Amino acid sequence: MTERTLYERLGGAFAIAAVVDHFSDAIVKNPIVGQKSENPALREWHTSNLDRLPGLKFMRTLWVCDVSGGPFQYTATKPGSTPVGLEAAHRDLKISPAQFDEVAAELGRTLDAFKVPGPEKGEVLAAFAAHKGEVTAGYVAARATAREILRPAVI
């Protein structure tokens, strides 16, 4: 007997889509990364671009289905240096590591709301965490540029 994939253990595309739907709505309302975020780019996205949210939910669903071993293939809308292109899609949002962690915490709360068992929850969160460097690349680059600008001239 072969071991079931994470995709199968999560319940397939419909169950994953339900989780992504809830998760995506929760992010919009989250005070740290949503409409009231101190990050102006995140605040702007979650107030002025909500017409794009259904497409984003679709793309997130495809991504989870793909990384969990399902029969779907995620293709980045903005190809980057990695197969999933997350750095290009998130660069302008300048997401800090702490903001990324809050999104991960929101994902954890969503998985709990859907009573996803511990092992599967851990696998989903690990797949998410594996892309922290890509998602926060815009923040890291902006901080590096700011340090260069603010560095006193060496004579």
Protein backbone atom coordinates (compact mmCIF):
# COMPACT_ATOMS: atom_id res chain seq x y z
CA MET A 1 0.00 0.00 0.00
CA THR A 2 1.41 3.38 -0.99
CA GLU A 3 1.35 6.28 1.39
CA ARG A 4 -1.24 8.91 0.58
CA THR A 5 0.01 12.30 -0.55
CA LEU A 6 -0.48 15.41 1.55
CA TYR A 7 -2.93 16.55 -1.13
CA GLU A 8 -5.04 13.43 -0.53
CA ARG A 9 -4.75 13.70 3.26
CA LEU A 10 -5.93 17.33 3.08
CA GLY A 11 -9.04 16.22 1.20
CA GLY A 12 -8.18 17.30 -2.33
CA ALA A 13 -8.84 20.45 -4.30
CA PHE A 14 -12.24 21.32 -2.83
CA ALA A 15 -11.06 21.08 0.77
CA ILE A 16 -7.89 23.01 -0.05
CA ALA A 17 -9.93 25.71 -1.83
CA ALA A 18 -12.15 26.10 1.24
CA VAL A 19 -9.10 26.58 3.48
CA VAL A 20 -7.51 29.04 1.03
CA ASP A 21 -10.78 31.00 0.81
CA HIS A 22 -10.97 31.37 4.60
CA PHE A 23 -7.24 32.09 4.91
CA SER A 24 -7.29 34.76 2.20
CA ASP A 25 -10.23 36.57 3.78
CA ALA A 26 -8.55 36.39 7.20
CA ILE A 27 -5.38 38.00 5.84
CA VAL A 28 -7.38 40.96 4.51
CA LYS A 29 -8.81 41.54 8.00
CA ASN A 30 -5.58 40.84 9.88
CA PRO A 31 -4.41 44.08 11.58
CA ILE A 32 -0.72 43.35 11.03
CA VAL A 33 -0.73 42.34 7.36
CA GLY A 34 -4.17 43.39 6.10
CA GLN A 35 -6.20 46.55 5.59
CA LYS A 36 -4.79 48.26 8.70
CA SER A 37 -1.19 47.13 8.28
CA GLU A 38 1.61 49.56 9.05
CA ASN A 39 3.16 48.36 5.78
CA PRO A 40 1.75 50.85 3.23
CA ALA A 41 2.06 48.39 0.33
CA LEU A 42 0.11 45.66 2.15
CA ARG A 43 -2.48 48.17 3.35
CA GLU A 44 -2.92 49.46 -0.21
CA TRP A 45 -3.21 45.97 -1.70
CA HIS A 46 -5.82 44.89 0.85
CA THR A 47 -7.96 47.99 0.30
CA SER A 48 -7.55 48.93 -3.37
CA ASN A 49 -6.94 45.58 -5.08
CA LEU A 50 -9.63 43.36 -3.63
CA ASP A 51 -11.06 42.88 -7.11
CA ARG A 52 -8.00 40.67 -7.66
CA LEU A 53 -8.68 38.55 -4.57
CA PRO A 54 -10.70 35.82 -6.37
CA GLY A 55 -7.80 35.26 -8.78
CA LEU A 56 -5.32 35.27 -5.92
CA LYS A 57 -7.40 32.65 -4.11
CA PHE A 58 -7.34 30.54 -7.27
CA MET A 59 -3.55 30.87 -7.58
CA ARG A 60 -3.04 30.08 -3.89
CA THR A 61 -5.24 27.01 -4.26
CA LEU A 62 -3.22 25.82 -7.25
CA TRP A 63 0.01 26.42 -5.33
CA VAL A 64 -1.13 24.37 -2.33
CA CYS A 65 -2.48 21.61 -4.58
CA ASP A 66 0.86 21.50 -6.41
CA VAL A 67 3.21 21.58 -3.40
CA SER A 68 1.09 19.00 -1.58
CA GLY A 69 1.46 16.44 -4.37
CA GLY A 70 -1.83 16.98 -6.15
CA PRO A 71 -2.51 16.67 -9.86
CA PHE A 72 -2.29 20.41 -10.55
CA GLN A 73 0.68 22.53 -11.58
CA TYR A 74 1.19 26.04 -10.25
CA THR A 75 2.87 28.47 -12.62
CA ALA A 76 3.89 31.89 -11.34
CA THR A 77 2.20 34.88 -12.96
CA LYS A 78 5.47 36.80 -12.54
CA PRO A 79 8.29 34.33 -13.15
CA GLY A 80 11.27 34.87 -10.90
CA SER A 81 14.50 33.15 -10.12
CA THR A 82 12.77 30.21 -8.45
CA PRO A 83 10.27 27.72 -9.90
CA VAL A 84 7.35 29.35 -8.07
CA GLY A 85 8.47 32.94 -8.63
CA LEU A 86 7.31 34.16 -5.24
CA GLU A 87 10.01 36.81 -4.94
CA ALA A 88 8.82 38.61 -8.08
CA ALA A 89 5.16 38.50 -7.04
CA HIS A 90 5.89 39.84 -3.54
CA ARG A 91 8.87 42.16 -4.10
CA ASP A 92 6.93 45.43 -4.26
CA LEU A 93 4.98 44.55 -1.10
CA LYS A 94 8.20 44.71 0.96
CA ILE A 95 6.98 42.05 3.36
CA SER A 96 9.14 41.90 6.48
CA PRO A 97 10.11 38.60 8.11
CA ALA A 98 7.77 39.46 11.03
CA GLN A 99 4.89 40.11 8.62
CA PHE A 100 5.62 36.81 6.88
CA ASP A 101 5.48 35.11 10.27
CA GLU A 102 2.10 36.71 10.96
CA VAL A 103 0.74 35.38 7.66
CA ALA A 104 2.07 31.93 8.67
CA ALA A 105 0.33 32.30 12.04
CA GLU A 106 -2.91 33.20 10.22
CA LEU A 107 -2.49 30.10 8.09
CA GLY A 108 -2.03 28.04 11.26
CA ARG A 109 -5.21 29.51 12.77
CA THR A 110 -7.09 28.70 9.55
CA LEU A 111 -5.82 25.12 9.54
CA ASP A 112 -6.97 24.83 13.16
CA ALA A 113 -10.41 26.20 12.25
CA PHE A 114 -10.71 23.43 9.67
CA LYS A 115 -9.43 20.86 12.18
CA VAL A 116 -6.51 19.84 9.98
CA PRO A 117 -4.59 17.16 11.91
CA GLY A 118 -1.21 18.05 13.39
CA PRO A 119 1.02 16.16 10.96
CA GLU A 120 -0.70 17.65 7.90
CA LYS A 121 -0.76 21.11 9.47
CA GLY A 122 2.98 20.83 10.08
CA GLU A 123 3.63 19.82 6.48
CA VAL A 124 1.57 22.73 5.12
CA LEU A 125 3.30 25.23 7.39
CA ALA A 126 6.71 23.81 6.47
CA ALA A 127 5.94 24.17 2.75
CA PHE A 128 4.88 27.76 3.41
CA ALA A 129 7.95 28.55 5.55
CA ALA A 130 10.28 27.18 2.88
CA HIS A 131 9.52 30.29 0.79
CA LYS A 132 10.12 32.93 3.46
CA GLY A 133 13.32 34.14 1.80
CA GLU A 134 11.57 34.62 -1.54
CA VAL A 135 8.55 36.42 -0.08
CA THR A 136 10.66 38.75 2.06
CA ALA A 137 13.27 39.46 -0.63
CA GLY A 138 11.78 42.88 -1.42
CA TYR A 139 11.99 43.94 2.22
CA VAL A 140 15.55 42.68 2.56
CA ALA A 141 16.61 44.50 -0.65
CA ALA A 142 14.91 47.73 0.46
CA ARG A 143 16.65 47.57 3.84
CA ALA A 144 20.02 46.96 2.17
CA THR A 145 19.47 49.94 -0.15
CA ALA A 146 18.48 52.15 2.78
CA ARG A 147 21.68 51.17 4.63
CA GLU A 148 23.74 52.10 1.56
CA ILE A 149 22.04 55.48 1.29
CA LEU A 150 22.38 56.21 5.00
CA ARG A 151 25.96 54.99 5.32
CA PRO A 152 28.29 57.93 5.98
CA ALA A 153 30.81 58.63 3.27
CA VAL A 154 34.24 57.17 3.90
CA ILE A 155 37.07 59.59 3.22
